[in-house]
Protein backbone atom coordinates (compact mmCIF):
# COMPACT_ATOMS: atom_id res chain seq x y z
CA MET A 1 98.43 -35.43 25.23
CA ASN A 2 100.75 -32.76 23.94
CA LYS A 3 100.46 -33.46 20.21
CA MET A 4 97.71 -34.08 17.68
CA PRO A 5 97.63 -35.10 14.03
CA ASN A 6 97.90 -32.19 11.55
CA TRP A 7 94.31 -30.87 11.62
CA LEU A 8 93.52 -30.32 7.95
CA LYS A 9 95.39 -33.47 6.83
CA GLN A 10 93.48 -35.52 9.43
CA ARG A 11 90.17 -33.93 8.41
CA ALA A 12 90.88 -34.61 4.70
CA TYR A 13 91.53 -38.26 5.68
CA LEU A 14 88.43 -38.62 7.89
CA THR A 15 85.82 -36.79 5.79
CA PRO A 16 87.44 -35.97 2.42
CA ASP A 17 84.24 -35.27 0.47
CA ARG A 18 82.58 -32.94 2.96
CA ILE A 19 82.44 -29.31 1.87
CA ALA A 20 85.19 -27.41 3.70
CA MET A 21 84.58 -23.91 2.35
CA MET A 22 82.10 -22.08 0.16
CA THR A 23 82.45 -18.65 -1.39
CA GLU A 24 80.11 -16.97 -3.88
CA GLU A 25 82.32 -18.27 -6.71
CA ARG A 26 83.35 -21.76 -5.66
CA THR A 27 83.18 -24.65 -3.25
CA VAL A 28 86.04 -26.88 -2.05
CA THR A 29 85.99 -30.17 -0.15
CA PHE A 30 88.44 -30.98 2.64
CA ARG A 31 90.39 -33.16 0.20
CA GLU A 32 90.63 -30.26 -2.29
CA LEU A 33 91.62 -27.80 0.44
CA HIS A 34 94.36 -30.19 1.58
CA LYS A 35 95.63 -30.55 -2.03
CA LEU A 36 95.66 -26.75 -2.52
CA THR A 37 97.51 -26.41 0.80
CA GLU A 38 100.13 -28.95 -0.34
CA ARG A 39 100.75 -26.92 -3.50
CA MET A 40 101.24 -23.81 -1.39
CA VAL A 41 103.60 -25.66 0.95
CA PHE A 42 105.73 -26.62 -2.06
CA THR A 43 105.68 -23.04 -3.41
CA TYR A 44 106.63 -21.52 -0.03
CA HIS A 45 109.32 -24.14 0.43
CA GLN A 46 110.81 -23.17 -2.96
CA HIS A 47 111.01 -19.58 -1.67
CA GLY A 48 112.86 -20.74 1.45
CA VAL A 49 110.11 -20.76 4.10
CA ARG A 50 111.19 -23.15 6.85
CA LYS A 51 110.01 -24.52 10.19
CA GLY A 52 110.35 -22.09 13.09
CA GLN A 53 110.34 -18.94 10.93
CA HIS A 54 107.75 -16.16 11.05
CA ALA A 55 105.81 -15.53 7.83
CA ALA A 56 103.32 -12.68 7.64
CA ILE A 57 100.05 -12.91 5.69
CA LEU A 58 98.49 -9.81 4.14
CA MET A 59 95.45 -11.02 2.22
CA LYS A 60 91.73 -10.49 1.80
CA ASN A 61 89.33 -13.26 2.85
CA SER A 62 89.53 -16.06 0.28
CA ILE A 63 89.97 -19.82 0.04
CA GLU A 64 93.60 -19.02 -0.92
CA MET A 65 94.09 -17.10 2.34
CA ALA A 66 92.71 -20.06 4.32
CA ALA A 67 95.08 -22.41 2.45
CA ALA A 68 98.01 -20.02 3.07
CA ILE A 69 97.35 -20.14 6.83
CA HIS A 70 97.11 -23.96 6.73
CA ALA A 71 100.27 -24.17 4.56
CA LEU A 72 102.33 -22.37 7.22
CA THR A 73 101.06 -24.82 9.85
CA TYR A 74 102.12 -27.70 7.53
CA ILE A 75 105.64 -26.20 7.34
CA GLY A 76 105.76 -25.50 11.07
CA ALA A 77 106.23 -21.77 10.49
CA THR A 78 104.31 -19.19 12.55
CA ALA A 79 101.74 -17.11 10.67
CA VAL A 80 101.68 -13.40 11.53
CA LEU A 81 98.23 -12.16 10.50
CA LEU A 82 98.19 -8.56 9.29
CA ASN A 83 95.15 -6.27 9.23
CA THR A 84 94.57 -5.21 5.61
CA ARG A 85 93.11 -1.89 6.77
CA LEU A 86 96.37 -0.62 8.25
CA THR A 87 98.57 1.96 6.54
CA ALA A 88 101.96 1.03 5.04
CA SER A 89 103.81 2.47 8.06
CA GLU A 90 101.63 0.56 10.56
CA LEU A 91 102.16 -2.67 8.58
CA GLU A 92 105.90 -2.08 8.29
CA TRP A 93 106.17 -1.63 12.05
CA GLN A 94 104.43 -5.00 12.65
CA LEU A 95 106.52 -6.77 9.98
CA ARG A 96 109.75 -5.57 11.62
CA ASP A 97 108.57 -6.11 15.19
CA SER A 98 107.44 -9.69 14.45
CA GLU A 99 110.78 -10.43 12.73
CA ALA A 100 108.88 -11.83 9.74
CA SER A 101 111.21 -13.46 7.20
CA PHE A 102 108.46 -13.63 4.57
CA LEU A 103 105.36 -11.69 3.54
CA ILE A 104 102.64 -13.63 1.71
CA CYS A 105 100.70 -10.88 0.03
CA ASP A 106 97.81 -10.24 -2.36
CA GLU A 107 99.18 -8.24 -5.28
CA ALA A 108 96.66 -5.43 -4.72
CA LEU A 109 97.76 -5.06 -1.09
CA ASN A 110 101.52 -4.98 -1.63
CA GLN A 111 103.34 -1.72 -0.86
CA GLU A 112 106.57 -0.02 -1.82
CA TRP A 113 108.52 -1.05 1.28
CA GLU A 114 111.71 0.80 2.24
CA THR A 115 114.60 -1.68 2.57
CA PRO A 116 112.41 -4.64 3.56
CA SER A 117 114.03 -7.28 5.78
CA TRP A 118 111.59 -9.88 4.43
CA THR A 119 110.98 -11.67 1.11
CA THR A 120 107.59 -11.07 -0.50
CA ILE A 121 105.71 -14.01 -2.01
CA GLY A 122 102.78 -13.02 -4.25
CA THR A 123 99.62 -15.08 -3.74
CA GLU A 124 99.29 -15.57 -7.50
CA GLU A 125 102.54 -17.58 -7.44
CA LEU A 126 101.71 -21.26 -7.20
CA VAL A 127 104.05 -24.01 -8.32
CA THR A 128 101.92 -26.83 -9.70
CA ALA A 129 104.54 -29.53 -10.13
CA GLY A 130 106.52 -31.41 -7.50
CA THR A 131 103.99 -31.52 -4.67
CA ALA A 132 104.45 -35.29 -4.31
CA HIS A 133 107.78 -34.72 -2.54
CA VAL A 134 106.57 -32.16 -0.02
CA GLN A 135 107.86 -32.72 3.50
CA TYR A 136 105.56 -31.32 6.18
CA GLU A 137 104.52 -31.57 9.79
CA HIS A 138 102.30 -34.58 10.48
CA TYR A 139 101.73 -33.53 14.09
CA PHE A 140 101.00 -30.27 15.87
CA HIS A 141 102.43 -29.72 19.35
CA LEU A 142 99.77 -28.01 21.41
CA ASP A 143 102.17 -25.65 23.20
CA GLN A 144 103.74 -24.52 19.90
CA THR A 145 102.84 -21.02 18.65
CA ALA A 146 100.62 -21.34 15.58
CA THR A 147 99.78 -17.68 14.96
CA ILE A 148 100.69 -14.17 16.06
CA MET A 149 98.04 -11.48 15.92
CA TYR A 150 98.67 -7.87 16.83
CA THR A 151 96.33 -6.12 19.22
CA SER A 152 96.33 -2.37 19.83
CA GLY A 153 98.53 -1.49 22.78
CA THR A 154 97.43 0.87 25.54
CA THR A 155 100.67 2.81 25.07
CA GLY A 156 100.07 3.27 21.35
CA LYS A 157 102.28 0.43 20.08
CA PRO A 158 100.52 -2.85 19.20
CA LYS A 159 101.47 -6.13 20.91
CA GLY A 160 101.85 -9.48 19.15
CA VAL A 161 99.62 -12.03 20.90
CA LEU A 162 101.05 -15.57 20.77
CA GLN A 163 98.30 -18.08 19.96
CA SER A 164 99.27 -21.73 20.33
CA TYR A 165 97.72 -24.78 18.67
CA GLY A 166 96.35 -25.64 22.12
CA ASN A 167 94.73 -22.19 22.42
CA HIS A 168 92.96 -22.66 19.07
CA TYR A 169 91.96 -26.26 19.83
CA TRP A 170 90.49 -25.45 23.23
CA SER A 171 88.73 -22.37 21.86
CA ALA A 172 86.99 -24.68 19.36
CA ALA A 173 86.26 -27.29 22.04
CA GLY A 174 84.88 -24.67 24.48
CA SER A 175 82.68 -23.18 21.76
CA SER A 176 81.35 -26.60 20.80
CA LEU A 177 80.56 -27.51 24.41
CA ASN A 178 78.68 -24.21 24.66
CA LEU A 179 76.78 -24.12 21.35
CA GLY A 180 76.69 -27.83 20.55
CA LEU A 181 77.62 -29.19 17.15
CA HIS A 182 75.04 -30.24 14.56
CA HIS A 183 75.87 -32.55 11.65
CA ASP A 184 74.63 -29.94 9.17
CA ASP A 185 76.20 -26.84 10.78
CA ARG A 186 77.53 -24.17 8.45
CA TRP A 187 79.30 -21.15 9.95
CA LEU A 188 79.16 -17.89 8.03
CA CYS A 189 82.42 -15.96 8.26
CA ALA A 190 81.88 -12.38 7.01
CA VAL A 191 84.50 -11.04 9.44
CA PRO A 192 88.20 -10.86 8.46
CA LEU A 193 90.36 -13.98 8.82
CA PHE A 194 93.11 -11.69 10.19
CA HIS A 195 90.87 -11.07 13.22
CA ILE A 196 90.52 -13.74 15.90
CA SER A 197 86.76 -13.82 15.25
CA GLY A 198 87.46 -14.96 11.67
CA LEU A 199 90.51 -17.14 12.29
CA SER A 200 88.71 -19.07 15.05
CA ILE A 201 85.93 -19.97 12.55
CA LEU A 202 88.56 -21.28 10.12
CA MET A 203 90.09 -23.43 12.89
CA ARG A 204 86.68 -24.72 14.02
CA GLY A 205 85.91 -25.66 10.41
CA VAL A 206 88.75 -28.21 10.20
CA ILE A 207 88.46 -29.39 13.82
CA TYR A 208 84.68 -29.96 13.61
CA GLY A 209 84.59 -31.04 9.96
CA MET A 210 82.10 -28.23 9.31
CA THR A 211 81.50 -26.07 6.25
CA VAL A 212 82.65 -22.46 6.49
CA ILE A 213 80.78 -20.04 4.23
CA LEU A 214 83.40 -17.37 3.55
CA HIS A 215 82.59 -13.83 2.39
CA ASP A 216 85.38 -11.50 1.30
CA SER A 217 83.68 -8.63 3.15
CA PHE A 218 80.42 -7.96 4.98
CA HIS A 219 77.25 -7.04 3.08
CA PRO A 220 73.95 -7.37 4.96
CA SER A 221 72.01 -8.71 1.95
CA ARG A 222 74.71 -11.32 1.20
CA ALA A 223 74.86 -12.36 4.85
CA ASN A 224 71.07 -12.79 4.95
CA ARG A 225 71.17 -14.74 1.69
CA ALA A 226 73.79 -17.09 3.19
CA ILE A 227 71.34 -17.89 6.02
CA ILE A 228 68.17 -18.11 3.90
CA GLU A 229 69.58 -19.78 0.75
CA ASN A 230 72.96 -21.33 1.64
CA GLY A 231 72.04 -22.96 4.95
CA ALA A 232 74.25 -20.95 7.33
CA THR A 233 73.29 -22.06 10.86
CA ILE A 234 75.73 -19.88 12.85
CA VAL A 235 76.97 -16.36 12.12
CA SER A 236 79.60 -14.29 13.98
CA VAL A 237 78.69 -10.58 14.08
CA VAL A 238 79.25 -7.32 15.91
CA GLN A 239 76.37 -4.97 16.72
CA THR A 240 76.65 -2.80 13.60
CA MET A 241 76.51 -5.94 11.37
CA LEU A 242 73.49 -7.32 13.21
CA SER A 243 71.60 -3.99 12.98
CA GLN A 244 72.21 -3.83 9.21
CA MET A 245 71.12 -7.45 8.73
CA ILE A 246 67.86 -6.87 10.64
CA GLU A 247 67.17 -3.73 8.63
CA ASN A 248 67.83 -5.57 5.35
CA LEU A 249 65.66 -8.53 6.43
CA GLU A 250 62.57 -6.26 6.63
CA ASP A 251 59.50 -8.53 7.00
CA SER A 252 61.29 -11.77 6.13
CA GLU A 253 62.36 -14.35 8.70
CA TYR A 254 65.27 -16.76 8.99
CA PRO A 255 64.61 -20.48 8.47
CA GLU A 256 64.28 -22.68 11.56
CA THR A 257 67.65 -24.26 10.73
CA PHE A 258 69.36 -20.99 11.77
CA ARG A 259 70.37 -21.47 15.39
CA CYS A 260 72.92 -18.91 16.55
CA MET A 261 73.77 -15.25 16.02
CA LEU A 262 77.07 -14.96 17.93
CA LEU A 263 77.42 -11.32 18.93
CA GLY A 264 80.75 -9.90 20.09
CA GLY A 265 82.24 -6.43 20.56
CA GLY A 266 80.17 -5.14 23.48
CA PRO A 267 76.58 -5.50 24.74
CA ALA A 268 73.65 -4.91 22.40
CA PRO A 269 70.97 -2.26 23.07
CA MET A 270 67.60 -3.48 24.40
CA SER A 271 65.75 -2.29 21.26
CA LEU A 272 67.89 -4.52 19.03
CA LEU A 273 67.51 -7.57 21.30
CA LYS A 274 63.72 -7.05 21.43
CA GLU A 275 63.60 -6.91 17.63
CA CYS A 276 65.64 -10.12 17.40
CA GLU A 277 63.32 -11.81 19.90
CA MET A 278 60.31 -10.74 17.81
CA LYS A 279 61.92 -12.22 14.69
CA LYS A 280 62.87 -15.40 16.62
CA ILE A 281 66.60 -14.78 16.07
CA PRO A 282 68.67 -16.49 18.82
CA VAL A 283 71.35 -13.97 19.85
CA TYR A 284 74.28 -15.23 21.93
CA GLN A 285 76.22 -12.29 23.38
CA THR A 286 79.90 -12.95 24.01
CA TYR A 287 83.02 -11.45 25.56
CA GLY A 288 86.41 -12.36 24.23
CA MET A 289 89.67 -10.95 22.93
CA THR A 290 92.67 -11.80 20.81
CA GLU A 291 94.38 -13.02 24.01
CA THR A 292 91.63 -15.62 24.63
CA SER A 293 91.58 -16.90 21.00
CA SER A 294 87.95 -15.69 20.56
CA GLN A 295 85.07 -15.89 23.04
CA ILE A 296 85.70 -16.86 26.65
CA VAL A 297 82.34 -15.81 28.12
CA THR A 298 78.94 -16.29 26.42
CA LEU A 299 75.35 -15.39 27.29
CA SER A 300 72.73 -17.84 26.04
CA PRO A 301 69.56 -16.44 24.38
CA GLU A 302 67.33 -17.54 27.28
CA TYR A 303 69.07 -14.91 29.42
CA SER A 304 69.46 -12.18 26.77
CA LEU A 305 66.63 -10.02 28.17
CA THR A 306 66.66 -10.99 31.87
CA LYS A 307 70.43 -10.46 32.05
CA LEU A 308 70.48 -7.48 29.69
CA GLY A 309 73.97 -6.02 29.36
CA SER A 310 75.68 -9.19 30.61
CA ALA A 311 78.29 -11.05 28.55
CA GLY A 312 77.26 -14.28 30.30
CA LYS A 313 79.25 -17.04 31.98
CA PRO A 314 82.60 -18.61 31.02
CA LEU A 315 82.88 -21.45 28.52
CA PHE A 316 83.21 -24.90 30.08
CA PRO A 317 87.06 -25.10 30.23
CA CYS A 318 87.44 -21.48 31.43
CA GLU A 319 87.17 -19.42 34.59
CA ILE A 320 86.74 -15.73 35.35
CA LYS A 321 87.16 -13.64 38.49
CA ILE A 322 87.03 -9.96 39.39
CA MET A 323 90.03 -8.63 41.31
CA GLU A 324 90.84 -5.36 43.06
CA ASN A 325 94.11 -4.84 44.98
CA ASP A 326 94.92 -8.58 44.81
CA LEU A 327 91.57 -9.51 46.38
CA ALA A 328 88.59 -11.23 44.75
CA CYS A 329 85.59 -8.87 44.61
CA PRO A 330 82.20 -9.83 46.05
CA PRO A 331 79.16 -9.72 43.70
CA PHE A 332 78.30 -6.31 42.18
CA THR A 333 81.71 -4.89 43.12
CA GLU A 334 83.74 -3.43 40.26
CA GLY A 335 87.24 -4.63 39.57
CA GLU A 336 89.54 -5.89 36.84
CA ILE A 337 88.44 -8.97 34.89
CA HIS A 338 90.89 -11.88 35.17
CA VAL A 339 90.53 -14.95 32.94
CA GLN A 340 92.01 -18.43 32.93
CA GLY A 341 91.70 -21.37 30.57
CA PRO A 342 93.49 -23.47 27.97
CA ASN A 343 92.47 -20.98 25.24
CA VAL A 344 94.26 -18.08 27.00
CA THR A 345 97.55 -16.89 25.47
CA LYS A 346 100.88 -17.75 27.10
CA GLY A 347 101.99 -14.17 26.43
CA TYR A 348 103.10 -11.55 23.92
CA TRP A 349 105.92 -11.61 21.39
CA LYS A 350 108.98 -9.91 22.99
CA ARG A 351 106.77 -8.29 25.67
CA LYS A 352 105.71 -9.08 29.19
CA ALA A 353 102.14 -10.28 29.77
CA GLU A 354 100.20 -9.68 32.95
CA ILE A 355 99.77 -13.40 33.72
CA HIS A 356 99.95 -14.56 37.34
CA ASN A 357 99.47 -18.24 38.30
CA GLY A 358 97.82 -18.83 34.95
CA TRP A 359 95.40 -15.90 35.27
CA LEU A 360 95.53 -13.18 32.60
CA GLN A 361 94.80 -9.64 33.74
CA THR A 362 92.62 -8.35 30.89
CA GLY A 363 92.78 -4.65 31.76
CA ASP A 364 88.99 -4.62 31.32
CA MET A 365 86.77 -3.54 34.19
CA GLY A 366 83.60 -5.33 35.19
CA PHE A 367 81.63 -7.10 37.93
CA LEU A 368 79.84 -10.41 38.51
CA ASP A 369 76.25 -10.59 39.76
CA GLU A 370 75.17 -12.99 42.52
CA GLU A 371 74.71 -15.80 39.96
CA GLY A 372 78.15 -15.32 38.38
CA PHE A 373 77.09 -13.50 35.21
CA LEU A 374 79.76 -11.11 33.95
CA TYR A 375 79.04 -7.45 33.18
CA VAL A 376 81.80 -5.65 31.29
CA LEU A 377 81.93 -1.94 32.17
CA ASP A 378 84.94 -0.60 30.31
CA ARG A 379 86.77 -2.33 27.52
CA ARG A 380 90.36 -1.81 28.61
CA SER A 381 89.51 1.47 30.33
CA ASP A 382 89.41 3.78 27.31
CA LEU A 383 89.05 1.38 24.40
CA ILE A 384 86.79 2.53 21.55
CA VAL A 385 84.95 -0.29 19.78
CA SER A 386 83.93 0.96 16.35
CA GLY A 387 82.15 -1.46 14.02
CA GLY A 388 83.91 -4.35 15.73
CA GLU A 389 87.40 -2.80 15.41
CA ASN A 390 89.29 -2.05 18.64
CA ILE A 391 90.74 1.45 18.68
CA TYR A 392 93.08 2.63 21.41
CA PRO A 393 92.98 6.40 21.98
CA ALA A 394 96.74 6.42 22.70
CA GLU A 395 97.53 5.44 19.12
CA ILE A 396 95.51 8.34 17.66
CA GLU A 397 96.87 10.75 20.27
CA ALA A 398 100.44 9.78 19.33
CA ALA A 399 99.65 10.50 15.66
CA LEU A 400 98.17 13.92 16.49
CA LEU A 401 101.04 14.85 18.80
CA SER A 402 103.51 14.21 15.97
CA HIS A 403 102.01 17.27 14.18
CA PRO A 404 104.15 20.36 14.92
CA SER A 405 101.15 22.55 15.87
CA VAL A 406 99.63 20.15 18.43
CA ILE A 407 100.61 20.64 22.08
CA GLU A 408 98.14 18.29 23.76
CA ALA A 409 95.82 15.60 22.37
CA GLY A 410 93.10 13.46 23.90
CA VAL A 411 90.78 11.00 22.17
CA THR A 412 87.55 9.40 23.31
CA GLY A 413 84.67 7.41 21.80
CA MET A 414 81.38 9.10 20.96
CA SER A 415 78.11 7.31 20.23
CA ASP A 416 77.39 6.68 16.57
CA ALA A 417 74.23 5.12 15.13
CA LYS A 418 76.07 3.14 12.46
CA TRP A 419 79.37 2.13 14.09
CA GLY A 420 78.43 2.04 17.80
CA GLN A 421 81.29 4.42 18.61
CA VAL A 422 83.63 6.65 16.63
CA PRO A 423 86.79 8.45 17.81
CA HIS A 424 86.62 12.18 18.54
CA ALA A 425 89.84 14.08 19.23
CA PHE A 426 90.36 17.04 21.58
CA ILE A 427 93.48 19.10 21.12
CA ALA A 428 95.28 22.18 22.34
CA ALA A 429 97.33 23.80 19.54
CA ASN A 430 99.95 26.54 19.51
CA ASP A 431 98.93 28.13 16.21
CA ALA A 432 96.07 28.31 13.74
CA VAL A 433 95.73 24.75 12.44
CA SER A 434 92.40 23.64 11.00
CA GLU A 435 90.35 20.52 11.72
CA GLU A 436 90.58 19.56 8.01
CA GLU A 437 94.38 19.84 8.02
CA LEU A 438 94.71 17.58 11.08
CA ILE A 439 92.25 14.98 9.74
CA SER A 440 94.17 14.92 6.46
CA TYR A 441 97.43 14.60 8.44
CA CYS A 442 96.01 11.63 10.40
CA SER A 443 94.81 9.90 7.24
CA ALA A 444 98.42 9.51 6.08
CA ILE A 445 99.41 7.80 9.35
CA LEU A 446 96.37 5.90 10.60
CA ALA A 447 94.01 3.27 9.23
CA LYS A 448 90.76 4.82 7.99
CA TYR A 449 88.65 3.59 10.92
CA LYS A 450 91.06 5.21 13.43
CA ILE A 451 90.89 8.72 11.90
CA PRO A 452 88.97 11.06 14.26
CA LYS A 453 85.46 11.86 13.06
CA ARG A 454 85.77 15.32 14.59
CA ILE A 455 88.56 17.37 16.15
CA HIS A 456 87.59 19.76 18.93
CA PHE A 457 89.87 22.62 20.01
CA LEU A 458 90.34 23.37 23.73
CA SER A 459 92.65 25.78 25.53
CA LYS A 460 93.83 22.90 27.74
CA LEU A 461 92.89 19.26 28.31
CA PRO A 462 91.50 17.89 31.62
CA ARG A 463 94.21 16.29 33.77
CA ASN A 464 94.30 14.82 37.27
CA ALA A 465 96.62 15.68 40.17
CA SER A 466 99.42 13.53 38.73
CA ASN A 467 98.98 15.32 35.38
CA LYS A 468 97.46 12.28 33.66
CA LEU A 469 94.89 12.93 30.96
CA VAL A 470 91.33 12.22 32.17
CA ARG A 471 89.67 11.06 28.96
CA ARG A 472 86.19 10.63 30.38
CA LYS A 473 86.12 14.40 31.12
CA LEU A 474 86.90 15.36 27.51
CA THR A 475 83.26 15.34 26.39
CA GLU A 476 82.25 17.59 29.29
CA ALA A 477 84.00 20.36 27.36
CA LEU A 478 81.30 19.92 24.72
CA GLY A 479 78.55 19.82 27.31
CA GLY A 480 77.66 16.27 26.23
CA PRO A 481 77.77 12.88 28.01
CA HIS A 482 80.66 10.48 27.49
CA ASP A 483 79.63 7.24 25.85
């Protein structure tokens, strides 16, 4: 079966009066979401958006953003999801690289673009008349690219991950086979829809016929209220979110209807898991990436303490293996994590993907124990995971090296109580440049979360015999351990 009925249209036909989405301000049914989507389709069509084109979305979490994503699927255009935290130059690079013909943009997020090659459509523009004559896709082909999402590249330039309708469908199916599906499930989405963690919840909503409680940003008290008062049964979090929610909860407890805290972005510390166990909060630790359309490996709560530090086992339709020098590694032997499954990307936009016989080389290092539980050791060798955001040192190093005074630059993650990790930079400079000046310089080029927390000055940076920077040795210059 290579095609399926248009998901939202089918859902609006099957269960029109079920609540599709809730925000603090309003609630919409699947029928209403479908109607809003039709109006957007008509508006975008009037602007010239057509099947096969790329249209970028730069919006904050909202019912309108969800409808904008659905509207592009109705047209058969590919949605390029842009991170609202990026700077104008980072966004412009992705708009040009993705060959976006259109930019659907919240007014507050629009920039003064230099000679844009795309047409901007403001989200406040909505043609109300004429929707009866809208022509749109009644079927989705599973191998067709639905969305493109940029992931930080190891060389400093991001890569556009191609996510097909099949990837999204099988991600939802794999998640459902893992967590089960209850008739009264409500999934709280307090993570951005431009991230795969958020987008996958939106897709599951229409595929399952489940209510998505959508927050425009994360606030621990609001997230707890969604569980205690609004009936959220599943929440997707990263460690920093979970820690803040537990702290805000104080002596209260979640209702028994709450059944899953889905935790991504690296393993949780024992102290946090113990606290969750005490408060009867079921924590499911997961491992996934943009390339796998959300989680691909999950650890059930019954193993959270006995298999501490493990990301778990693959979802039902997926497989994992550990490889070193083209050979599968025996248990407890480190190697590169390879993944395979119908939710795994077919590749990158205009770039080569490390996919061999259907297996994606993740670039992450890890090992399996004797029972097949996965332990992730290094997220893509030097990746810094800060508050759920992936930061590649190479991108920050490139920004620092563009400053005339900087000769060498190296960046690594340091432990941080609030964010898990934060980037610290180490540089060798040829004249008297201050830490403040360089941080200010970076703030004009990089998104806020990528700006180094500290900049340390060294006479020279540690390199190996082939003159490659050895990032793990950077912190030794401070006399402290590398996180």
